[in-house]
Amino acid sequence: MQALDRMWSRAQAEGAVRPDVTSGDFALLLARVLRPLPNLPDGVGDPERSLAIVLDGLRDSTPTPLPGRGPTVDSLDVP
């Protein structure tokens, strides 16, 4: 997970992603977006579309302030 931290820090330093989103936030978002939902009809719930929407929202362009504090990647290390 340290590689994700480094990648995320570089992206923030370049202004490519929001400064208030942590690498832990990003890891949780990916897990939630890429998990398939059961019983959806064919053609509904395309994970690529969902991921594109999430990634667009991560861009650093006049974001809405986020509530609370984002998790670190290390805090996601669950047994």
Protein backbone atom coordinates (compact mmCIF):
# COMPACT_ATOMS: atom_id res chain seq x y z
CA MET A 1 0.00 0.00 0.00
CA GLN A 2 2.99 2.32 0.32
CA ALA A 3 3.17 2.42 -3.48
CA LEU A 4 -0.38 3.81 -3.53
CA ASP A 5 0.62 6.47 -0.99
CA ARG A 6 3.57 7.52 -3.17
CA MET A 7 1.48 7.58 -6.34
CA TRP A 8 -1.26 9.58 -4.64
CA SER A 9 1.22 12.09 -3.17
CA ARG A 10 2.75 12.66 -6.61
CA ALA A 11 -0.68 13.17 -8.17
CA GLN A 12 -1.56 15.70 -5.48
CA ALA A 13 1.75 17.52 -5.88
CA GLU A 14 1.07 17.82 -9.63
CA GLY A 15 -2.43 19.16 -8.97
CA ALA A 16 -4.03 16.21 -10.74
CA VAL A 17 -6.25 15.21 -7.82
CA ARG A 18 -7.96 16.94 -4.93
CA PRO A 19 -5.64 17.81 -2.05
CA ASP A 20 -8.25 16.85 0.54
CA VAL A 21 -8.70 13.25 -0.68
CA THR A 22 -6.35 10.73 0.92
CA SER A 23 -4.93 7.60 -0.64
CA GLY A 24 -7.14 5.70 1.81
CA ASP A 25 -10.20 7.50 0.44
CA PHE A 26 -9.13 6.48 -3.05
CA ALA A 27 -8.61 2.82 -2.05
CA LEU A 28 -12.08 2.70 -0.47
CA LEU A 29 -13.67 4.33 -3.51
CA LEU A 30 -12.08 1.79 -5.85
CA ALA A 31 -13.24 -1.10 -3.68
CA ARG A 32 -16.79 0.27 -3.64
CA VAL A 33 -16.98 1.16 -7.32
CA LEU A 34 -15.41 -2.01 -8.67
CA ARG A 35 -17.44 -4.42 -6.54
CA PRO A 36 -20.20 -5.82 -8.75
CA LEU A 37 -23.75 -5.42 -7.53
CA PRO A 38 -25.93 -8.53 -7.60
CA ASN A 39 -29.06 -8.94 -9.73
CA LEU A 40 -28.57 -6.00 -12.09
CA PRO A 41 -30.02 -6.34 -15.59
CA ASP A 42 -27.57 -6.67 -18.47
CA GLY A 43 -26.05 -3.36 -19.49
CA VAL A 44 -26.75 -1.69 -16.14
CA GLY A 45 -24.08 -0.86 -13.60
CA ASP A 46 -21.08 -0.76 -15.93
CA PRO A 47 -18.08 -0.48 -13.58
CA GLU A 48 -16.10 1.48 -16.21
CA ARG A 49 -18.78 4.18 -16.25
CA SER A 50 -18.90 4.32 -12.46
CA LEU A 51 -15.12 4.53 -12.25
CA ALA A 52 -15.04 7.35 -14.84
CA ILE A 53 -17.56 9.32 -12.77
CA VAL A 54 -15.55 8.81 -9.58
CA LEU A 55 -12.24 9.71 -11.22
CA ASP A 56 -13.74 12.88 -12.67
CA GLY A 57 -14.87 13.87 -9.18
CA LEU A 58 -11.34 13.42 -7.85
CA ARG A 59 -9.90 16.12 -10.11
CA ASP A 60 -8.78 19.25 -8.37
CA SER A 61 -11.20 21.79 -9.83
CA THR A 62 -13.28 23.84 -7.40
CA PRO A 63 -14.28 20.88 -5.24
CA THR A 64 -16.94 20.92 -2.56
CA PRO A 65 -15.29 20.63 0.88
CA LEU A 66 -15.35 17.07 2.21
CA PRO A 67 -16.77 16.22 5.62
CA GLY A 68 -14.57 14.59 8.23
CA ARG A 69 -11.03 13.35 7.83
CA GLY A 70 -9.94 10.83 5.20
CA PRO A 71 -8.38 7.51 6.19
CA THR A 72 -4.77 6.60 5.57
CA VAL A 73 -3.99 3.48 3.57
CA ASP A 74 -2.39 1.95 6.66
CA SER A 75 -5.61 2.39 8.63
CA LEU A 76 -7.34 0.15 6.05
CA ASP A 77 -5.08 -2.80 6.86
CA VAL A 78 -7.73 -5.03 8.39
CA PRO A 79 -7.27 -8.70 9.32
